[in-house]
């Protein structure tokens, strides 16, 4: 779900952190855990880190969208606040 959320963000506005985390998630999902003593623990840890980073990237994008929506854009001029407060 988080990977599809990151994928919905247009590439030019997608945070690099989200792009990297989605790539890590894809690799982990394709290959699964390795064999070894701590393989399952390491796999779960990397999945959790990728999820955290994707969630942070989505939130970063949402905050940027909210901040941009507060101003009316005028080419070559400073932005005009829409909220007079």
C-alpha atoms as a PDB file:
ATOM      1  CA  UNK A   1       0.000   0.000   0.000  1.00  0.00           C
ATOM      2  CA  UNK A   2       2.813   2.415   0.861  1.00  0.00           C
ATOM      3  CA  UNK A   3       4.725   1.510  -2.307  1.00  0.00           C
ATOM      4  CA  UNK A   4       1.667   2.322  -4.428  1.00  0.00           C
ATOM      5  CA  UNK A   5       1.259   5.595  -2.501  1.00  0.00           C
ATOM      6  CA  UNK A   6       4.833   6.584  -3.343  1.00  0.00           C
ATOM      7  CA  UNK A   7       4.297   5.521  -6.967  1.00  0.00           C
ATOM      8  CA  UNK A   8       1.290   7.878  -7.241  1.00  0.00           C
ATOM      9  CA  UNK A   9       3.492  10.896  -6.521  1.00  0.00           C
ATOM     10  CA  UNK A  10       4.704  12.375  -9.839  1.00  0.00           C
ATOM     11  CA  UNK A  11       8.382  11.560 -10.378  1.00  0.00           C
ATOM     12  CA  UNK A  12       9.492  15.187 -10.558  1.00  0.00           C
ATOM     13  CA  UNK A  13       7.961  15.874  -7.120  1.00  0.00           C
ATOM     14  CA  UNK A  14       8.714  12.497  -5.505  1.00  0.00           C
ATOM     15  CA  UNK A  15      11.171  12.719  -2.593  1.00  0.00           C
ATOM     16  CA  UNK A  16      14.381  10.768  -3.201  1.00  0.00           C
ATOM     17  CA  UNK A  17      13.873   9.001   0.105  1.00  0.00           C
ATOM     18  CA  UNK A  18      10.589   7.575  -1.177  1.00  0.00           C
ATOM     19  CA  UNK A  19      12.071   6.455  -4.473  1.00  0.00           C
ATOM     20  CA  UNK A  20      14.929   4.668  -2.708  1.00  0.00           C
ATOM     21  CA  UNK A  21      12.618   3.042  -0.146  1.00  0.00           C
ATOM     22  CA  UNK A  22      10.241   1.808  -2.854  1.00  0.00           C
ATOM     23  CA  UNK A  23      13.219   0.258  -4.683  1.00  0.00           C
ATOM     24  CA  UNK A  24      14.424  -1.471  -1.520  1.00  0.00           C
ATOM     25  CA  UNK A  25      10.905  -2.737  -0.853  1.00  0.00           C
ATOM     26  CA  UNK A  26      10.629  -4.154  -4.400  1.00  0.00           C
ATOM     27  CA  UNK A  27      13.942  -5.991  -4.025  1.00  0.00           C
ATOM     28  CA  UNK A  28      12.967  -7.401  -0.632  1.00  0.00           C
ATOM     29  CA  UNK A  29       9.572  -8.525  -1.912  1.00  0.00           C
ATOM     30  CA  UNK A  30      11.125 -10.240  -4.949  1.00  0.00           C
ATOM     31  CA  UNK A  31      13.938 -12.083  -3.172  1.00  0.00           C
ATOM     32  CA  UNK A  32      12.563 -12.755   0.297  1.00  0.00           C
ATOM     33  CA  UNK A  33      14.797 -13.415   3.303  1.00  0.00           C
ATOM     34  CA  UNK A  34      18.216 -14.992   2.877  1.00  0.00           C
ATOM     35  CA  UNK A  35      19.219 -18.148   4.672  1.00  0.00           C
ATOM     36  CA  UNK A  36      21.204 -17.579   7.814  1.00  0.00           C
ATOM     37  CA  UNK A  37      21.033 -17.103  11.527  1.00  0.00           C
ATOM     38  CA  UNK A  38      19.543 -13.594  11.536  1.00  0.00           C
ATOM     39  CA  UNK A  39      17.984 -13.673   8.074  1.00  0.00           C
ATOM     40  CA  UNK A  40      14.350 -13.420   9.148  1.00  0.00           C
ATOM     41  CA  UNK A  41      15.091 -10.695  11.688  1.00  0.00           C
ATOM     42  CA  UNK A  42      17.149  -8.715   9.181  1.00  0.00           C
ATOM     43  CA  UNK A  43      14.459  -9.098   6.507  1.00  0.00           C
ATOM     44  CA  UNK A  44      11.715  -7.847   8.825  1.00  0.00           C
ATOM     45  CA  UNK A  45      13.914  -4.964   9.965  1.00  0.00           C
ATOM     46  CA  UNK A  46      14.608  -3.850   6.390  1.00  0.00           C
ATOM     47  CA  UNK A  47      10.912  -4.097   5.521  1.00  0.00           C
ATOM     48  CA  UNK A  48      10.080  -1.912   8.520  1.00  0.00           C
ATOM     49  CA  UNK A  49      12.724   0.654   7.549  1.00  0.00           C
ATOM     50  CA  UNK A  50      11.459   0.769   3.961  1.00  0.00           C
ATOM     51  CA  UNK A  51       7.896   1.229   5.224  1.00  0.00           C
ATOM     52  CA  UNK A  52       8.984   4.022   7.570  1.00  0.00           C
ATOM     53  CA  UNK A  53      10.829   5.812   4.768  1.00  0.00           C
ATOM     54  CA  UNK A  54       7.939   5.467   2.315  1.00  0.00           C
ATOM     55  CA  UNK A  55       5.502   6.836   4.903  1.00  0.00           C
ATOM     56  CA  UNK A  56       7.861   9.759   5.612  1.00  0.00           C
ATOM     57  CA  UNK A  57       8.138  10.493   1.880  1.00  0.00           C
ATOM     58  CA  UNK A  58       4.351  10.497   1.457  1.00  0.00           C
ATOM     59  CA  UNK A  59       3.954  12.826   4.435  1.00  0.00           C
ATOM     60  CA  UNK A  60       6.724  15.109   3.106  1.00  0.00           C
ATOM     61  CA  UNK A  61       4.917  15.311  -0.238  1.00  0.00           C
ATOM     62  CA  UNK A  62       1.577  16.055   1.447  1.00  0.00           C
ATOM     63  CA  UNK A  63       3.123  18.850   3.513  1.00  0.00           C
ATOM     64  CA  UNK A  64       4.716  20.366   0.415  1.00  0.00           C
ATOM     65  CA  UNK A  65       1.362  20.225  -1.397  1.00  0.00           C
ATOM     66  CA  UNK A  66      -0.402  21.918   1.546  1.00  0.00           C
ATOM     67  CA  UNK A  67       2.234  24.640   1.745  1.00  0.00           C
ATOM     68  CA  UNK A  68       2.011  25.297  -1.994  1.00  0.00           C
ATOM     69  CA  UNK A  69      -1.788  25.429  -1.870  1.00  0.00           C
ATOM     70  CA  UNK A  70      -1.754  28.332   0.603  1.00  0.00           C
ATOM     71  CA  UNK A  71      -0.464  30.749  -2.042  1.00  0.00           C
ATOM     72  CA  UNK A  72      -1.744  31.894  -5.399  1.00  0.00           C
ATOM     73  CA  UNK A  73       1.115  31.720  -7.879  1.00  0.00           C
ATOM     74  CA  UNK A  74       2.084  34.757  -9.936  1.00  0.00           C
ATOM     75  CA  UNK A  75       4.931  34.364 -12.385  1.00  0.00           C
ATOM     76  CA  UNK A  76       7.825  36.650 -11.556  1.00  0.00           C
ATOM     77  CA  UNK A  77       6.189  38.061  -8.428  1.00  0.00           C
ATOM     78  CA  UNK A  78       6.146  36.950  -4.809  1.00  0.00           C
ATOM     79  CA  UNK A  79       3.267  34.679  -3.812  1.00  0.00           C
ATOM     80  CA  UNK A  80       0.066  36.197  -2.436  1.00  0.00           C
ATOM     81  CA  UNK A  81      -1.266  34.471   0.689  1.00  0.00           C
ATOM     82  CA  UNK A  82      -4.811  33.230   0.240  1.00  0.00           C
ATOM     83  CA  UNK A  83      -5.405  33.153   3.980  1.00  0.00           C
ATOM     84  CA  UNK A  84      -5.147  36.771   5.286  1.00  0.00           C
ATOM     85  CA  UNK A  85      -4.091  35.665   8.792  1.00  0.00           C
END
